Amino acid sequence: MGNRDSLSNGQRLVTAGLGGVLAGLGVAYVVAPELIEQLYGVDVAEQGNYSLHYAIGVRDVCYGLVLLALTGTQQRRALVLVVGLGLLLPLGDACIVVFGQGAALVRALPHLAGVVTLGGVAAYLKK
């Protein structure tokens, strides 16, 4: 990397992929809320009310698009902050699953994997 603020090809690939996955996850919340609810690890929908699912979907689409925009504009420092602070989202989700619903820790594993993934990507971007 010639310019410390620019992204390497690998960093662009990783952050664009992460942004795409998060945006896709958000779309899935909107189009398949029952499936995503099962994957999330909690049971919250009552009589077809998926308002919370849609809100989470919009959040994830927005977060994914922010990552794609920052990647496209080579904003490495901003990506480090947004990805690093973004790990609070799956960490909070894991806590909600375990402590809010009394679910087994195994149901929080996808969220904890998100924490590790985002932390790893943030560390990779700092290089």
N, C-alpha and C. Protein backbone atom coordinates (compact mmCIF):
# COMPACT_ATOMS: atom_id res chain seq x y z
N MET A 1 0.84 -1.17 0.00
CA MET A 1 0.00 0.00 0.00
C MET A 1 0.88 1.23 0.00
N GLY A 2 0.79 2.03 -1.06
CA GLY A 2 1.60 3.22 -1.13
C GLY A 2 1.12 4.28 -0.15
N ASN A 3 -0.14 4.61 -0.21
CA ASN A 3 -0.74 5.59 0.66
C ASN A 3 -1.35 4.87 1.86
N ARG A 4 -0.94 5.27 3.05
CA ARG A 4 -1.40 4.59 4.26
C ARG A 4 -2.92 4.66 4.42
N ASP A 5 -3.55 5.68 3.85
CA ASP A 5 -5.00 5.81 3.98
C ASP A 5 -5.77 5.00 2.95
N SER A 6 -5.10 4.56 1.89
CA SER A 6 -5.82 3.80 0.87
C SER A 6 -5.94 2.34 1.30
N LEU A 7 -6.81 1.63 0.63
CA LEU A 7 -7.04 0.22 0.93
C LEU A 7 -6.28 -0.65 -0.05
N SER A 8 -5.76 -1.75 0.46
CA SER A 8 -5.17 -2.74 -0.44
C SER A 8 -6.30 -3.46 -1.17
N ASN A 9 -5.95 -4.19 -2.21
CA ASN A 9 -6.97 -4.96 -2.93
C ASN A 9 -7.67 -5.95 -1.99
N GLY A 10 -6.89 -6.59 -1.12
CA GLY A 10 -7.47 -7.54 -0.17
C GLY A 10 -8.43 -6.87 0.80
N GLN A 11 -8.05 -5.70 1.29
CA GLN A 11 -8.92 -4.97 2.21
C GLN A 11 -10.21 -4.54 1.52
N ARG A 12 -10.10 -4.11 0.27
CA ARG A 12 -11.31 -3.73 -0.49
C ARG A 12 -12.22 -4.94 -0.67
N LEU A 13 -11.63 -6.07 -0.99
CA LEU A 13 -12.41 -7.28 -1.20
C LEU A 13 -13.13 -7.70 0.09
N VAL A 14 -12.41 -7.67 1.20
CA VAL A 14 -12.99 -8.08 2.49
C VAL A 14 -14.11 -7.14 2.91
N THR A 15 -13.86 -5.83 2.84
CA THR A 15 -14.89 -4.90 3.30
C THR A 15 -16.08 -4.83 2.35
N ALA A 16 -15.84 -4.95 1.05
CA ALA A 16 -16.96 -4.98 0.11
C ALA A 16 -17.77 -6.25 0.31
N GLY A 17 -17.10 -7.37 0.55
CA GLY A 17 -17.81 -8.62 0.82
C GLY A 17 -18.64 -8.54 2.09
N LEU A 18 -18.04 -7.96 3.13
CA LEU A 18 -18.76 -7.80 4.40
C LEU A 18 -19.97 -6.90 4.21
N GLY A 19 -19.79 -5.80 3.49
CA GLY A 19 -20.91 -4.90 3.23
C GLY A 19 -22.01 -5.59 2.45
N GLY A 20 -21.63 -6.37 1.45
CA GLY A 20 -22.62 -7.10 0.66
C GLY A 20 -23.38 -8.13 1.48
N VAL A 21 -22.65 -8.85 2.33
CA VAL A 21 -23.29 -9.86 3.19
C VAL A 21 -24.27 -9.19 4.15
N LEU A 22 -23.85 -8.09 4.77
CA LEU A 22 -24.74 -7.41 5.71
C LEU A 22 -25.97 -6.84 5.02
N ALA A 23 -25.78 -6.25 3.84
CA ALA A 23 -26.93 -5.73 3.10
C ALA A 23 -27.87 -6.88 2.71
N GLY A 24 -27.30 -8.00 2.29
CA GLY A 24 -28.11 -9.17 1.95
C GLY A 24 -28.85 -9.72 3.15
N LEU A 25 -28.21 -9.72 4.30
CA LEU A 25 -28.86 -10.16 5.53
C LEU A 25 -30.04 -9.25 5.85
N GLY A 26 -29.84 -7.96 5.65
CA GLY A 26 -30.92 -7.01 5.89
C GLY A 26 -32.11 -7.27 4.98
N VAL A 27 -31.84 -7.53 3.71
CA VAL A 27 -32.91 -7.85 2.76
C VAL A 27 -33.63 -9.12 3.21
N ALA A 28 -32.86 -10.11 3.68
CA ALA A 28 -33.46 -11.36 4.15
C ALA A 28 -34.40 -11.12 5.33
N TYR A 29 -34.06 -10.19 6.22
CA TYR A 29 -34.94 -9.85 7.34
C TYR A 29 -36.29 -9.36 6.83
N VAL A 30 -36.27 -8.65 5.73
CA VAL A 30 -37.51 -8.08 5.20
C VAL A 30 -38.32 -9.12 4.42
N VAL A 31 -37.65 -9.95 3.62
CA VAL A 31 -38.39 -10.88 2.76
C VAL A 31 -38.64 -12.25 3.39
N ALA A 32 -37.86 -12.63 4.39
CA ALA A 32 -38.04 -13.94 5.04
C ALA A 32 -37.90 -13.80 6.55
N PRO A 33 -38.74 -13.00 7.19
CA PRO A 33 -38.56 -12.72 8.62
C PRO A 33 -38.65 -13.95 9.52
N GLU A 34 -39.49 -14.93 9.17
CA GLU A 34 -39.61 -16.12 10.02
C GLU A 34 -38.32 -16.93 10.02
N LEU A 35 -37.71 -17.09 8.86
CA LEU A 35 -36.45 -17.81 8.76
C LEU A 35 -35.36 -17.08 9.54
N ILE A 36 -35.28 -15.79 9.36
CA ILE A 36 -34.24 -15.02 10.04
C ILE A 36 -34.46 -15.04 11.55
N GLU A 37 -35.71 -15.02 11.98
CA GLU A 37 -35.99 -15.09 13.41
C GLU A 37 -35.42 -16.38 14.00
N GLN A 38 -35.59 -17.48 13.29
CA GLN A 38 -35.03 -18.76 13.76
C GLN A 38 -33.51 -18.71 13.80
N LEU A 39 -32.91 -18.13 12.78
CA LEU A 39 -31.45 -18.04 12.73
C LEU A 39 -30.92 -17.09 13.80
N TYR A 40 -31.69 -16.06 14.10
CA TYR A 40 -31.29 -15.07 15.10
C TYR A 40 -31.22 -15.69 16.49
N GLY A 41 -32.13 -16.60 16.77
CA GLY A 41 -32.10 -17.29 18.05
C GLY A 41 -33.17 -16.89 19.04
N VAL A 42 -34.14 -16.09 18.61
CA VAL A 42 -35.22 -15.70 19.51
C VAL A 42 -36.56 -15.85 18.80
N ASP A 43 -37.61 -15.86 19.59
CA ASP A 43 -38.97 -15.91 19.06
C ASP A 43 -39.67 -14.63 19.49
N VAL A 44 -39.89 -13.73 18.53
CA VAL A 44 -40.48 -12.44 18.91
C VAL A 44 -41.74 -12.09 18.15
N ALA A 45 -41.94 -12.62 16.97
CA ALA A 45 -43.09 -12.22 16.17
C ALA A 45 -44.38 -12.74 16.79
N GLU A 46 -45.35 -11.86 16.85
CA GLU A 46 -46.65 -12.25 17.37
C GLU A 46 -47.69 -12.01 16.30
N GLN A 47 -48.36 -13.06 15.89
CA GLN A 47 -49.45 -12.99 14.93
C GLN A 47 -49.06 -12.23 13.67
N GLY A 48 -47.91 -12.56 13.12
CA GLY A 48 -47.50 -11.98 11.85
C GLY A 48 -46.98 -10.56 11.92
N ASN A 49 -46.74 -10.03 13.11
CA ASN A 49 -46.19 -8.68 13.22
C ASN A 49 -44.67 -8.75 13.15
N TYR A 50 -44.14 -8.36 12.01
CA TYR A 50 -42.70 -8.43 11.79
C TYR A 50 -42.05 -7.05 11.77
N SER A 51 -42.65 -6.09 12.44
CA SER A 51 -42.12 -4.72 12.42
C SER A 51 -40.68 -4.66 12.92
N LEU A 52 -40.38 -5.38 13.99
CA LEU A 52 -39.01 -5.37 14.51
C LEU A 52 -38.05 -5.99 13.51
N HIS A 53 -38.47 -7.03 12.85
CA HIS A 53 -37.63 -7.68 11.85
C HIS A 53 -37.30 -6.70 10.72
N TYR A 54 -38.33 -5.97 10.28
CA TYR A 54 -38.12 -5.01 9.20
C TYR A 54 -37.15 -3.91 9.64
N ALA A 55 -37.29 -3.45 10.88
CA ALA A 55 -36.38 -2.42 11.39
C ALA A 55 -34.94 -2.93 11.43
N ILE A 56 -34.76 -4.16 11.88
CA ILE A 56 -33.42 -4.74 11.91
C ILE A 56 -32.90 -4.91 10.49
N GLY A 57 -33.77 -5.29 9.58
CA GLY A 57 -33.38 -5.43 8.18
C GLY A 57 -32.88 -4.12 7.60
N VAL A 58 -33.61 -3.04 7.87
CA VAL A 58 -33.20 -1.72 7.38
C VAL A 58 -31.86 -1.34 8.00
N ARG A 59 -31.67 -1.62 9.28
CA ARG A 59 -30.39 -1.34 9.95
C ARG A 59 -29.25 -2.07 9.26
N ASP A 60 -29.44 -3.34 8.97
CA ASP A 60 -28.37 -4.13 8.36
C ASP A 60 -28.10 -3.70 6.92
N VAL A 61 -29.15 -3.38 6.17
CA VAL A 61 -28.95 -2.88 4.81
C VAL A 61 -28.16 -1.57 4.86
N CYS A 62 -28.55 -0.68 5.74
CA CYS A 62 -27.87 0.61 5.88
C CYS A 62 -26.40 0.41 6.25
N TYR A 63 -26.14 -0.44 7.23
CA TYR A 63 -24.76 -0.70 7.67
C TYR A 63 -23.95 -1.28 6.51
N GLY A 64 -24.53 -2.21 5.78
CA GLY A 64 -23.84 -2.79 4.64
C GLY A 64 -23.53 -1.76 3.57
N LEU A 65 -24.50 -0.87 3.29
CA LEU A 65 -24.28 0.17 2.29
C LEU A 65 -23.23 1.18 2.73
N VAL A 66 -23.19 1.49 4.02
CA VAL A 66 -22.14 2.38 4.54
C VAL A 66 -20.77 1.74 4.31
N LEU A 67 -20.65 0.46 4.60
CA LEU A 67 -19.37 -0.22 4.37
C LEU A 67 -19.00 -0.21 2.89
N LEU A 68 -19.97 -0.45 2.02
CA LEU A 68 -19.69 -0.42 0.58
C LEU A 68 -19.28 0.98 0.13
N ALA A 69 -19.95 2.01 0.64
CA ALA A 69 -19.62 3.38 0.26
C ALA A 69 -18.22 3.76 0.75
N LEU A 70 -17.91 3.42 1.99
CA LEU A 70 -16.58 3.74 2.52
C LEU A 70 -15.49 2.96 1.80
N THR A 71 -15.80 1.74 1.40
CA THR A 71 -14.85 0.94 0.63
C THR A 71 -14.63 1.58 -0.73
N GLY A 72 -15.71 1.95 -1.38
CA GLY A 72 -15.62 2.53 -2.72
C GLY A 72 -14.88 3.86 -2.75
N THR A 73 -14.92 4.58 -1.64
CA THR A 73 -14.24 5.88 -1.58
C THR A 73 -12.90 5.81 -0.85
N GLN A 74 -12.44 4.59 -0.59
CA GLN A 74 -11.11 4.37 0.00
C GLN A 74 -10.95 5.03 1.38
N GLN A 75 -11.96 4.99 2.20
CA GLN A 75 -11.93 5.64 3.51
C GLN A 75 -11.50 4.63 4.57
N ARG A 76 -10.24 4.27 4.55
CA ARG A 76 -9.74 3.22 5.44
C ARG A 76 -9.94 3.57 6.91
N ARG A 77 -9.58 4.77 7.32
CA ARG A 77 -9.72 5.14 8.74
C ARG A 77 -11.18 5.07 9.19
N ALA A 78 -12.06 5.57 8.35
CA ALA A 78 -13.49 5.51 8.69
C ALA A 78 -13.96 4.06 8.76
N LEU A 79 -13.46 3.22 7.86
CA LEU A 79 -13.83 1.80 7.89
C LEU A 79 -13.38 1.14 9.18
N VAL A 80 -12.17 1.46 9.63
CA VAL A 80 -11.67 0.89 10.89
C VAL A 80 -12.63 1.24 12.02
N LEU A 81 -13.05 2.50 12.08
CA LEU A 81 -13.97 2.93 13.14
C LEU A 81 -15.35 2.30 13.00
N VAL A 82 -15.89 2.33 11.80
CA VAL A 82 -17.25 1.82 11.59
C VAL A 82 -17.31 0.31 11.81
N VAL A 83 -16.32 -0.41 11.31
CA VAL A 83 -16.30 -1.87 11.51
C VAL A 83 -16.01 -2.19 12.97
N GLY A 84 -15.04 -1.49 13.56
CA GLY A 84 -14.69 -1.75 14.96
C GLY A 84 -15.84 -1.48 15.91
N LEU A 85 -16.48 -0.33 15.75
CA LEU A 85 -17.62 -0.02 16.60
C LEU A 85 -18.83 -0.87 16.25
N GLY A 86 -18.90 -1.30 15.00
CA GLY A 86 -20.00 -2.14 14.55
C GLY A 86 -20.06 -3.48 15.25
N LEU A 87 -18.96 -3.92 15.84
CA LEU A 87 -18.99 -5.21 16.54
C LEU A 87 -19.86 -5.15 17.78
N LEU A 88 -20.21 -3.93 18.20
CA LEU A 88 -21.15 -3.81 19.32
C LEU A 88 -22.54 -4.34 18.94
N LEU A 89 -22.89 -4.28 17.66
CA LEU A 89 -24.21 -4.79 17.23
C LEU A 89 -24.35 -6.29 17.48
N PRO A 90 -23.47 -7.14 16.94
CA PRO A 90 -23.64 -8.57 17.23
C PRO A 90 -23.36 -8.91 18.70
N LEU A 91 -22.52 -8.13 19.37
CA LEU A 91 -22.30 -8.38 20.80
C LEU A 91 -23.59 -8.13 21.57
N GLY A 92 -24.25 -7.02 21.26
CA GLY A 92 -25.55 -6.74 21.88
C GLY A 92 -26.58 -7.79 21.54
N ASP A 93 -26.57 -8.23 20.28
CA ASP A 93 -27.50 -9.29 19.86
C ASP A 93 -27.26 -10.57 20.66
N ALA A 94 -25.99 -10.93 20.85
CA ALA A 94 -25.66 -12.14 21.62
C ALA A 94 -26.17 -12.02 23.05
N CYS A 95 -25.99 -10.85 23.65
CA CYS A 95 -26.47 -10.64 25.02
C CYS A 95 -27.99 -10.73 25.09
N ILE A 96 -28.67 -10.18 24.08
CA ILE A 96 -30.13 -10.24 24.05
C ILE A 96 -30.60 -11.69 23.96
N VAL A 97 -29.94 -12.47 23.12
CA VAL A 97 -30.32 -13.87 22.94
C VAL A 97 -30.14 -14.65 24.24
N VAL A 98 -29.00 -14.47 24.89
CA VAL A 98 -28.69 -15.27 26.08
C VAL A 98 -29.42 -14.75 27.31
N PHE A 99 -29.32 -13.46 27.57
CA PHE A 99 -29.87 -12.92 28.81
C PHE A 99 -31.34 -12.50 28.69
N GLY A 100 -31.73 -12.05 27.53
CA GLY A 100 -33.10 -11.58 27.35
C GLY A 100 -34.10 -12.71 27.23
N GLN A 101 -33.69 -13.82 26.63
CA GLN A 101 -34.62 -14.93 26.42
C GLN A 101 -34.22 -16.17 27.22
N GLY A 102 -33.12 -16.09 27.91
CA GLY A 102 -32.65 -17.24 28.66
C GLY A 102 -32.28 -18.41 27.78
N ALA A 103 -31.89 -18.10 26.55
CA ALA A 103 -31.54 -19.16 25.60
C ALA A 103 -30.16 -19.72 25.91
N ALA A 104 -29.93 -20.91 25.42
CA ALA A 104 -28.62 -21.54 25.59
C ALA A 104 -27.58 -20.73 24.82
N LEU A 105 -26.37 -20.76 25.31
CA LEU A 105 -25.27 -20.02 24.69
C LEU A 105 -25.09 -20.40 23.23
N VAL A 106 -25.41 -21.64 22.89
CA VAL A 106 -25.23 -22.09 21.51
C VAL A 106 -26.06 -21.25 20.54
N ARG A 107 -27.18 -20.72 20.99
CA ARG A 107 -28.01 -19.87 20.12
C ARG A 107 -27.37 -18.51 19.88
N ALA A 108 -26.40 -18.14 20.71
CA ALA A 108 -25.71 -16.87 20.53
C ALA A 108 -24.46 -17.00 19.66
N LEU A 109 -24.09 -18.23 19.31
CA LEU A 109 -22.85 -18.44 18.56
C LEU A 109 -22.79 -17.68 17.23
N PRO A 110 -23.86 -17.61 16.45
CA PRO A 110 -23.75 -16.82 15.21
C PRO A 110 -23.43 -15.35 15.48
N HIS A 111 -23.96 -14.82 16.56
CA HIS A 111 -23.69 -13.42 16.91
C HIS A 111 -22.25 -13.26 17.39
N LEU A 112 -21.79 -14.20 18.18
CA LEU A 112 -20.40 -14.15 18.65
C LEU A 112 -19.43 -14.31 17.49
N ALA A 113 -19.82 -15.10 16.49
CA ALA A 113 -18.99 -15.22 15.28
C ALA A 113 -18.94 -13.87 14.57
N GLY A 114 -20.02 -13.12 14.60
CA GLY A 114 -20.03 -11.78 14.03
C GLY A 114 -19.09 -10.84 14.75
N VAL A 115 -19.03 -10.94 16.08
CA VAL A 115 -18.10 -10.13 16.87
C VAL A 115 -16.67 -10.43 16.45
N VAL A 116 -16.34 -11.71 16.38
CA VAL A 116 -14.98 -12.12 15.99
C VAL A 116 -14.67 -11.66 14.57
N THR A 117 -15.63 -11.82 13.67
CA THR A 117 -15.42 -11.42 12.27
C THR A 117 -15.16 -9.93 12.16
N LEU A 118 -16.02 -9.13 12.77
CA LEU A 118 -15.85 -7.68 12.69
C LEU A 118 -14.56 -7.23 13.37
N GLY A 119 -14.23 -7.83 14.50
CA GLY A 119 -12.97 -7.50 15.16
C GLY A 119 -11.77 -7.85 14.30
N GLY A 120 -11.83 -9.00 13.65
CA GLY A 120 -10.75 -9.41 12.76
C GLY A 120 -10.62 -8.50 11.56
N VAL A 121 -11.75 -8.10 10.98
CA VAL A 121 -11.72 -7.20 9.82
C VAL A 121 -11.17 -5.83 10.24
N ALA A 122 -11.59 -5.32 11.39
CA ALA A 122 -11.07 -4.04 11.87
C ALA A 122 -9.56 -4.10 12.07
N ALA A 123 -9.08 -5.19 12.66
CA ALA A 123 -7.63 -5.35 12.86
C ALA A 123 -6.91 -5.44 11.52
N TYR A 124 -7.48 -6.16 10.57
CA TYR A 124 -6.89 -6.28 9.24
C TYR A 124 -6.81 -4.92 8.54
N LEU A 125 -7.82 -4.10 8.73
CA LEU A 125 -7.84 -2.78 8.12
C LEU A 125 -6.80 -1.84 8.73
N LYS A 126 -6.43 -2.07 9.97
CA LYS A 126 -5.44 -1.21 10.63
C LYS A 126 -4.04 -1.42 10.10
N LYS A 127 -3.81 -2.55 9.43
CA LYS A 127 -2.46 -2.86 8.92
C LYS A 127 -2.06 -1.91 7.83
